[in-house]
Amino acid sequence: MKTLLAWSVGPWEIVIILVVVLLLFGGKKIPELMEGLGKGVKSFKKGMNDVEKEIENVKKEDTKPEKKEE
């Protein structure tokens, strides 16, 4: 049970992390970092959606009845 408590992050820890990030990168650099992070997340989601659509297309092709040629 102690290992779960050791990994929990409380509100003060979040504040300390935010202050350290602010000190390391400065106020002007943070919006640029967040913009880059947002673009990365958007690109990742788009890629995941493309993969899901491709999987659905393959499933649809597999379930179509094949026409027998005479």
PDB file of N, CA and C in Angstrom:
ATOM      1  N   MET A   1       0.820  -1.196   0.000  1.00  0.00           N
ATOM      2  CA  MET A   1       0.000   0.000   0.000  1.00  0.00           C
ATOM      3  C   MET A   1       0.861   1.257   0.000  1.00  0.00           C
ATOM      4  N   LYS A   2       2.064   1.153   0.571  1.00  0.00           N
ATOM      5  CA  LYS A   2       2.937   2.326   0.616  1.00  0.00           C
ATOM      6  C   LYS A   2       3.423   2.726  -0.768  1.00  0.00           C
ATOM      7  N   THR A   3       3.565   1.754  -1.675  1.00  0.00           N
ATOM      8  CA  THR A   3       4.033   2.101  -3.014  1.00  0.00           C
ATOM      9  C   THR A   3       3.009   2.951  -3.753  1.00  0.00           C
ATOM     10  N   LEU A   4       1.726   2.734  -3.502  1.00  0.00           N
ATOM     11  CA  LEU A   4       0.704   3.561  -4.132  1.00  0.00           C
ATOM     12  C   LEU A   4       0.778   4.990  -3.615  1.00  0.00           C
ATOM     13  N   LEU A   5       1.024   5.153  -2.347  1.00  0.00           N
ATOM     14  CA  LEU A   5       1.107   6.489  -1.775  1.00  0.00           C
ATOM     15  C   LEU A   5       2.367   7.217  -2.231  1.00  0.00           C
ATOM     16  N   ALA A   6       3.418   6.459  -2.493  1.00  0.00           N
ATOM     17  CA  ALA A   6       4.670   7.081  -2.923  1.00  0.00           C
ATOM     18  C   ALA A   6       4.538   7.685  -4.323  1.00  0.00           C
ATOM     19  N   TRP A   7       3.664   7.145  -5.161  1.00  0.00           N
ATOM     20  CA  TRP A   7       3.523   7.615  -6.535  1.00  0.00           C
ATOM     21  C   TRP A   7       2.380   8.605  -6.724  1.00  0.00           C
ATOM     22  N   SER A   8       1.593   8.847  -5.695  1.00  0.00           N
ATOM     23  CA  SER A   8       0.501   9.802  -5.844  1.00  0.00           C
ATOM     24  C   SER A   8       1.065  11.224  -5.854  1.00  0.00           C
ATOM     25  N   VAL A   9       0.513  12.052  -6.708  1.00  0.00           N
ATOM     26  CA  VAL A   9       0.975  13.427  -6.838  1.00  0.00           C
ATOM     27  C   VAL A   9      -0.125  14.332  -6.314  1.00  0.00           C
ATOM     28  N   GLY A  10       0.207  15.093  -5.295  1.00  0.00           N
ATOM     29  CA  GLY A  10      -0.757  15.997  -4.689  1.00  0.00           C
ATOM     30  C   GLY A  10      -0.689  17.378  -5.307  1.00  0.00           C
ATOM     31  N   PRO A  11      -1.522  18.280  -4.824  1.00  0.00           N
ATOM     32  CA  PRO A  11      -1.563  19.627  -5.390  1.00  0.00           C
ATOM     33  C   PRO A  11      -0.258  20.405  -5.187  1.00  0.00           C
ATOM     34  N   TRP A  12       0.410  20.210  -4.048  1.00  0.00           N
ATOM     35  CA  TRP A  12       1.662  20.932  -3.814  1.00  0.00           C
ATOM     36  C   TRP A  12       2.776  20.453  -4.732  1.00  0.00           C
ATOM     37  N   GLU A  13       2.785  19.160  -5.005  1.00  0.00           N
ATOM     38  CA  GLU A  13       3.792  18.637  -5.923  1.00  0.00           C
ATOM     39  C   GLU A  13       3.594  19.200  -7.324  1.00  0.00           C
ATOM     40  N   ILE A  14       2.345  19.335  -7.750  1.00  0.00           N
ATOM     41  CA  ILE A  14       2.051  19.909  -9.064  1.00  0.00           C
ATOM     42  C   ILE A  14       2.512  21.354  -9.125  1.00  0.00           C
ATOM     43  N   VAL A  15       2.270  22.105  -8.054  1.00  0.00           N
ATOM     44  CA  VAL A  15       2.706  23.507  -8.008  1.00  0.00           C
ATOM     45  C   VAL A  15       4.219  23.593  -8.096  1.00  0.00           C
ATOM     46  N   ILE A  16       4.909  22.746  -7.374  1.00  0.00           N
ATOM     47  CA  ILE A  16       6.377  22.749  -7.401  1.00  0.00           C
ATOM     48  C   ILE A  16       6.884  22.407  -8.798  1.00  0.00           C
ATOM     49  N   ILE A  17       6.284  21.410  -9.451  1.00  0.00           N
ATOM     50  CA  ILE A  17       6.692  21.037 -10.805  1.00  0.00           C
ATOM     51  C   ILE A  17       6.468  22.196 -11.760  1.00  0.00           C
ATOM     52  N   LEU A  18       5.335  22.873 -11.658  1.00  0.00           N
ATOM     53  CA  LEU A  18       5.043  24.012 -12.530  1.00  0.00           C
ATOM     54  C   LEU A  18       6.041  25.152 -12.316  1.00  0.00           C
ATOM     55  N   VAL A  19       6.419  25.403 -11.073  1.00  0.00           N
ATOM     56  CA  VAL A  19       7.398  26.457 -10.785  1.00  0.00           C
ATOM     57  C   VAL A  19       8.756  26.093 -11.378  1.00  0.00           C
ATOM     58  N   VAL A  20       9.161  24.839 -11.253  1.00  0.00           N
ATOM     59  CA  VAL A  20      10.442  24.404 -11.809  1.00  0.00           C
ATOM     60  C   VAL A  20      10.431  24.537 -13.333  1.00  0.00           C
ATOM     61  N   VAL A  21       9.329  24.139 -13.974  1.00  0.00           N
ATOM     62  CA  VAL A  21       9.227  24.269 -15.432  1.00  0.00           C
ATOM     63  C   VAL A  21       9.292  25.735 -15.824  1.00  0.00           C
ATOM     64  N   LEU A  22       8.616  26.595 -15.088  1.00  0.00           N
ATOM     65  CA  LEU A  22       8.632  28.028 -15.381  1.00  0.00           C
ATOM     66  C   LEU A  22      10.040  28.588 -15.244  1.00  0.00           C
ATOM     67  N   LEU A  23      10.763  28.165 -14.227  1.00  0.00           N
ATOM     68  CA  LEU A  23      12.125  28.645 -14.033  1.00  0.00           C
ATOM     69  C   LEU A  23      13.085  28.129 -15.112  1.00  0.00           C
ATOM     70  N   LEU A  24      12.893  26.881 -15.533  1.00  0.00           N
ATOM     71  CA  LEU A  24      13.777  26.300 -16.538  1.00  0.00           C
ATOM     72  C   LEU A  24      13.569  26.889 -17.926  1.00  0.00           C
ATOM     73  N   PHE A  25      12.322  27.052 -18.324  1.00  0.00           N
ATOM     74  CA  PHE A  25      12.032  27.460 -19.696  1.00  0.00           C
ATOM     75  C   PHE A  25      11.679  28.934 -19.834  1.00  0.00           C
ATOM     76  N   GLY A  26      11.283  29.578 -18.784  1.00  0.00           N
ATOM     77  CA  GLY A  26      10.896  30.987 -18.870  1.00  0.00           C
ATOM     78  C   GLY A  26       9.478  31.139 -19.381  1.00  0.00           C
ATOM     79  N   GLY A  27       8.900  32.294 -19.127  1.00  0.00           N
ATOM     80  CA  GLY A  27       7.511  32.541 -19.485  1.00  0.00           C
ATOM     81  C   GLY A  27       7.256  32.624 -20.976  1.00  0.00           C
ATOM     82  N   LYS A  28       8.248  33.055 -21.745  1.00  0.00           N
ATOM     83  CA  LYS A  28       8.049  33.228 -23.181  1.00  0.00           C
ATOM     84  C   LYS A  28       8.118  31.901 -23.942  1.00  0.00           C
ATOM     85  N   LYS A  29       8.831  30.969 -23.412  1.00  0.00           N
ATOM     86  CA  LYS A  29       9.046  29.708 -24.120  1.00  0.00           C
ATOM     87  C   LYS A  29       7.905  28.708 -23.889  1.00  0.00           C
ATOM     88  N   ILE A  30       7.182  28.841 -22.796  1.00  0.00           N
ATOM     89  CA  ILE A  30       6.137  27.871 -22.446  1.00  0.00           C
ATOM     90  C   ILE A  30       5.019  27.826 -23.490  1.00  0.00           C
ATOM     91  N   PRO A  31       4.496  28.975 -23.982  1.00  0.00           N
ATOM     92  CA  PRO A  31       3.449  28.875 -25.016  1.00  0.00           C
ATOM     93  C   PRO A  31       3.924  28.144 -26.276  1.00  0.00           C
ATOM     94  N   GLU A  32       5.181  28.342 -26.647  1.00  0.00           N
ATOM     95  CA  GLU A  32       5.720  27.634 -27.809  1.00  0.00           C
ATOM     96  C   GLU A  32       5.769  26.129 -27.550  1.00  0.00           C
ATOM     97  N   LEU A  33       6.171  25.752 -26.343  1.00  0.00           N
ATOM     98  CA  LEU A  33       6.222  24.338 -25.996  1.00  0.00           C
ATOM     99  C   LEU A  33       4.826  23.721 -26.002  1.00  0.00           C
ATOM    100  N   MET A  34       3.851  24.446 -25.465  1.00  0.00           N
ATOM    101  CA  MET A  34       2.479  23.936 -25.427  1.00  0.00           C
ATOM    102  C   MET A  34       1.890  23.826 -26.835  1.00  0.00           C
ATOM    103  N   GLU A  35       2.237  24.776 -27.706  1.00  0.00           N
ATOM    104  CA  GLU A  35       1.764  24.715 -29.091  1.00  0.00           C
ATOM    105  C   GLU A  35       2.322  23.477 -29.782  1.00  0.00           C
ATOM    106  N   GLY A  36       3.597  23.231 -29.593  1.00  0.00           N
ATOM    107  CA  GLY A  36       4.217  22.040 -30.166  1.00  0.00           C
ATOM    108  C   GLY A  36       3.608  20.765 -29.620  1.00  0.00           C
ATOM    109  N   LEU A  37       3.333  20.755 -28.328  1.00  0.00           N
ATOM    110  CA  LEU A  37       2.707  19.592 -27.710  1.00  0.00           C
ATOM    111  C   LEU A  37       1.310  19.377 -28.270  1.00  0.00           C
ATOM    112  N   GLY A  38       0.554  20.458 -28.443  1.00  0.00           N
ATOM    113  CA  GLY A  38      -0.793  20.363 -29.000  1.00  0.00           C
ATOM    114  C   GLY A  38      -0.779  19.826 -30.423  1.00  0.00           C
ATOM    115  N   LYS A  39       0.167  20.295 -31.236  1.00  0.00           N
ATOM    116  CA  LYS A  39       0.284  19.796 -32.605  1.00  0.00           C
ATOM    117  C   LYS A  39       0.641  18.316 -32.615  1.00  0.00           C
ATOM    118  N   GLY A  40       1.500  17.921 -31.698  1.00  0.00           N
ATOM    119  CA  GLY A  40       1.876  16.512 -31.619  1.00  0.00           C
ATOM    120  C   GLY A  40       0.704  15.626 -31.232  1.00  0.00           C
ATOM    121  N   VAL A  41      -0.084  16.067 -30.272  1.00  0.00           N
ATOM    122  CA  VAL A  41      -1.262  15.301 -29.843  1.00  0.00           C
ATOM    123  C   VAL A  41      -2.277  15.216 -30.975  1.00  0.00           C
ATOM    124  N   LYS A  42      -2.475  16.338 -31.676  1.00  0.00           N
ATOM    125  CA  LYS A  42      -3.420  16.363 -32.797  1.00  0.00           C
ATOM    126  C   LYS A  42      -2.981  15.394 -33.895  1.00  0.00           C
ATOM    127  N   SER A  43      -1.691  15.404 -34.206  1.00  0.00           N
ATOM    128  CA  SER A  43      -1.159  14.508 -35.222  1.00  0.00           C
ATOM    129  C   SER A  43      -1.303  13.048 -34.794  1.00  0.00           C
ATOM    130  N   PHE A  44      -1.058  12.777 -33.527  1.00  0.00           N
ATOM    131  CA  PHE A  44      -1.195  11.409 -33.003  1.00  0.00           C
ATOM    132  C   PHE A  44      -2.633  10.929 -33.108  1.00  0.00           C
ATOM    133  N   LYS A  45      -3.582  11.788 -32.735  1.00  0.00           N
ATOM    134  CA  LYS A  45      -5.004  11.418 -32.822  1.00  0.00           C
ATOM    135  C   LYS A  45      -5.415  11.172 -34.266  1.00  0.00           C
ATOM    136  N   LYS A  46      -4.935  12.005 -35.189  1.00  0.00           N
ATOM    137  CA  LYS A  46      -5.259  11.825 -36.602  1.00  0.00           C
ATOM    138  C   LYS A  46      -4.716  10.487 -37.090  1.00  0.00           C
ATOM    139  N   GLY A  47      -3.512  10.159 -36.706  1.00  0.00           N
ATOM    140  CA  GLY A  47      -2.929   8.879 -37.083  1.00  0.00           C
ATOM    141  C   GLY A  47      -3.712   7.701 -36.532  1.00  0.00           C
ATOM    142  N   MET A  48      -4.150   7.821 -35.295  1.00  0.00           N
ATOM    143  CA  MET A  48      -4.943   6.745 -34.687  1.00  0.00           C
ATOM    144  C   MET A  48      -6.278   6.582 -35.405  1.00  0.00           C
ATOM    145  N   ASN A  49      -6.921   7.697 -35.761  1.00  0.00           N
ATOM    146  CA  ASN A  49      -8.186   7.627 -36.493  1.00  0.00           C
ATOM    147  C   ASN A  49      -7.992   6.991 -37.860  1.00  0.00           C
ATOM    148  N   ASP A  50      -6.898   7.317 -38.540  1.00  0.00           N
ATOM    149  CA  ASP A  50      -6.609   6.720 -39.840  1.00  0.00           C
ATOM    150  C   ASP A  50      -6.425   5.207 -39.721  1.00  0.00           C
ATOM    151  N   VAL A  51      -5.732   4.783 -38.682  1.00  0.00           N
ATOM    152  CA  VAL A  51      -5.511   3.350 -38.469  1.00  0.00           C
ATOM    153  C   VAL A  51      -6.840   2.655 -38.183  1.00  0.00           C
ATOM    154  N   GLU A  52      -7.693   3.264 -37.348  1.00  0.00           N
ATOM    155  CA  GLU A  52      -8.995   2.666 -37.027  1.00  0.00           C
ATOM    156  C   GLU A  52      -9.864   2.553 -38.281  1.00  0.00           C
ATOM    157  N   LYS A  53      -9.848   3.587 -39.132  1.00  0.00           N
ATOM    158  CA  LYS A  53     -10.626   3.533 -40.377  1.00  0.00           C
ATOM    159  C   LYS A  53     -10.115   2.433 -41.295  1.00  0.00           C
ATOM    160  N   GLU A  54      -8.820   2.281 -41.367  1.00  0.00           N
ATOM    161  CA  GLU A  54      -8.238   1.239 -42.207  1.00  0.00           C
ATOM    162  C   GLU A  54      -8.627  -0.144 -41.700  1.00  0.00           C
ATOM    163  N   ILE A  55      -8.624  -0.323 -40.383  1.00  0.00           N
ATOM    164  CA  ILE A  55      -9.028  -1.609 -39.799  1.00  0.00           C
ATOM    165  C   ILE A  55     -10.486  -1.892 -40.110  1.00  0.00           C
ATOM    166  N   GLU A  56     -11.354  -0.881 -40.001  1.00  0.00           N
ATOM    167  CA  GLU A  56     -12.773  -1.062 -40.325  1.00  0.00           C
ATOM    168  C   GLU A  56     -12.958  -1.427 -41.796  1.00  0.00           C
ATOM    169  N   ASN A  57     -12.198  -0.783 -42.687  1.00  0.00           N
ATOM    170  CA  ASN A  57     -12.297  -1.092 -44.114  1.00  0.00           C
ATOM    171  C   ASN A  57     -11.894  -2.536 -44.396  1.00  0.00           C
ATOM    172  N   VAL A  58     -10.850  -2.998 -43.742  1.00  0.00           N
ATOM    173  CA  VAL A  58     -10.403  -4.378 -43.934  1.00  0.00           C
ATOM    174  C   VAL A  58     -11.458  -5.350 -43.422  1.00  0.00           C
ATOM    175  N   LYS A  59     -12.068  -5.037 -42.277  1.00  0.00           N
ATOM    176  CA  LYS A  59     -13.122  -5.908 -41.743  1.00  0.00           C
ATOM    177  C   LYS A  59     -14.311  -5.967 -42.689  1.00  0.00           C
ATOM    178  N   LYS A  60     -14.685  -4.817 -43.283  1.00  0.00           N
ATOM    179  CA  LYS A  60     -15.814  -4.788 -44.212  1.00  0.00           C
ATOM    180  C   LYS A  60     -15.508  -5.618 -45.457  1.00  0.00           C
ATOM    181  N   GLU A  61     -14.280  -5.527 -45.937  1.00  0.00           N
ATOM    182  CA  GLU A  61     -13.901  -6.305 -47.123  1.00  0.00           C
ATOM    183  C   GLU A  61     -13.918  -7.791 -46.830  1.00  0.00           C
ATOM    184  N   ASP A  62     -13.556  -8.176 -45.618  1.00  0.00           N
ATOM    185  CA  ASP A  62     -13.540  -9.594 -45.258  1.00  0.00           C
ATOM    186  C   ASP A  62     -14.954 -10.158 -45.116  1.00  0.00           C
ATOM    187  N   THR A  63     -15.922  -9.334 -44.740  1.00  0.00           N
ATOM    188  CA  THR A  63     -17.280  -9.835 -44.520  1.00  0.00           C
ATOM    189  C   THR A  63     -18.126  -9.789 -45.768  1.00  0.00           C
ATOM    190  N   LYS A  64     -17.659  -9.162 -46.858  1.00  0.00           N
ATOM    191  CA  LYS A  64     -18.427  -9.125 -48.103  1.00  0.00           C
ATOM    192  C   LYS A  64     -18.456 -10.519 -48.715  1.00  0.00           C
ATOM    193  N   PRO A  65     -19.644 -10.937 -49.180  1.00  0.00           N
ATOM    194  CA  PRO A  65     -19.677 -12.240 -49.845  1.00  0.00           C
ATOM    195  C   PRO A  65     -18.996 -12.154 -51.208  1.00  0.00           C
ATOM    196  N   GLU A  66     -18.203 -13.150 -51.488  1.00  0.00           N
ATOM    197  CA  GLU A  66     -17.471 -13.159 -52.742  1.00  0.00           C
ATOM    198  C   GLU A  66     -18.368 -13.749 -53.838  1.00  0.00           C
ATOM    199  N   LYS A  67     -18.305 -13.153 -55.020  1.00  0.00           N
ATOM    200  CA  LYS A  67     -19.070 -13.639 -56.157  1.00  0.00           C
ATOM    201  C   LYS A  67     -18.310 -14.796 -56.793  1.00  0.00           C
ATOM    202  N   LYS A  68     -19.043 -15.856 -57.072  1.00  0.00           N
ATOM    203  CA  LYS A  68     -18.422 -17.005 -57.723  1.00  0.00           C
ATOM    204  C   LYS A  68     -18.518 -16.809 -59.229  1.00  0.00           C
ATOM    205  N   GLU A  69     -17.413 -16.994 -59.898  1.00  0.00           N
ATOM    206  CA  GLU A  69     -17.398 -16.883 -61.349  1.00  0.00           C
ATOM    207  C   GLU A  69     -17.698 -18.255 -61.948  1.00  0.00           C
ATOM    208  N   GLU A  70     -18.549 -18.269 -62.935  1.00  0.00           N
ATOM    209  CA  GLU A  70     -18.931 -19.545 -63.545  1.00  0.00           C
ATOM    210  C   GLU A  70     -18.195 -19.808 -64.802  1.00  0.00           C
TER     211      GLU A  70
END
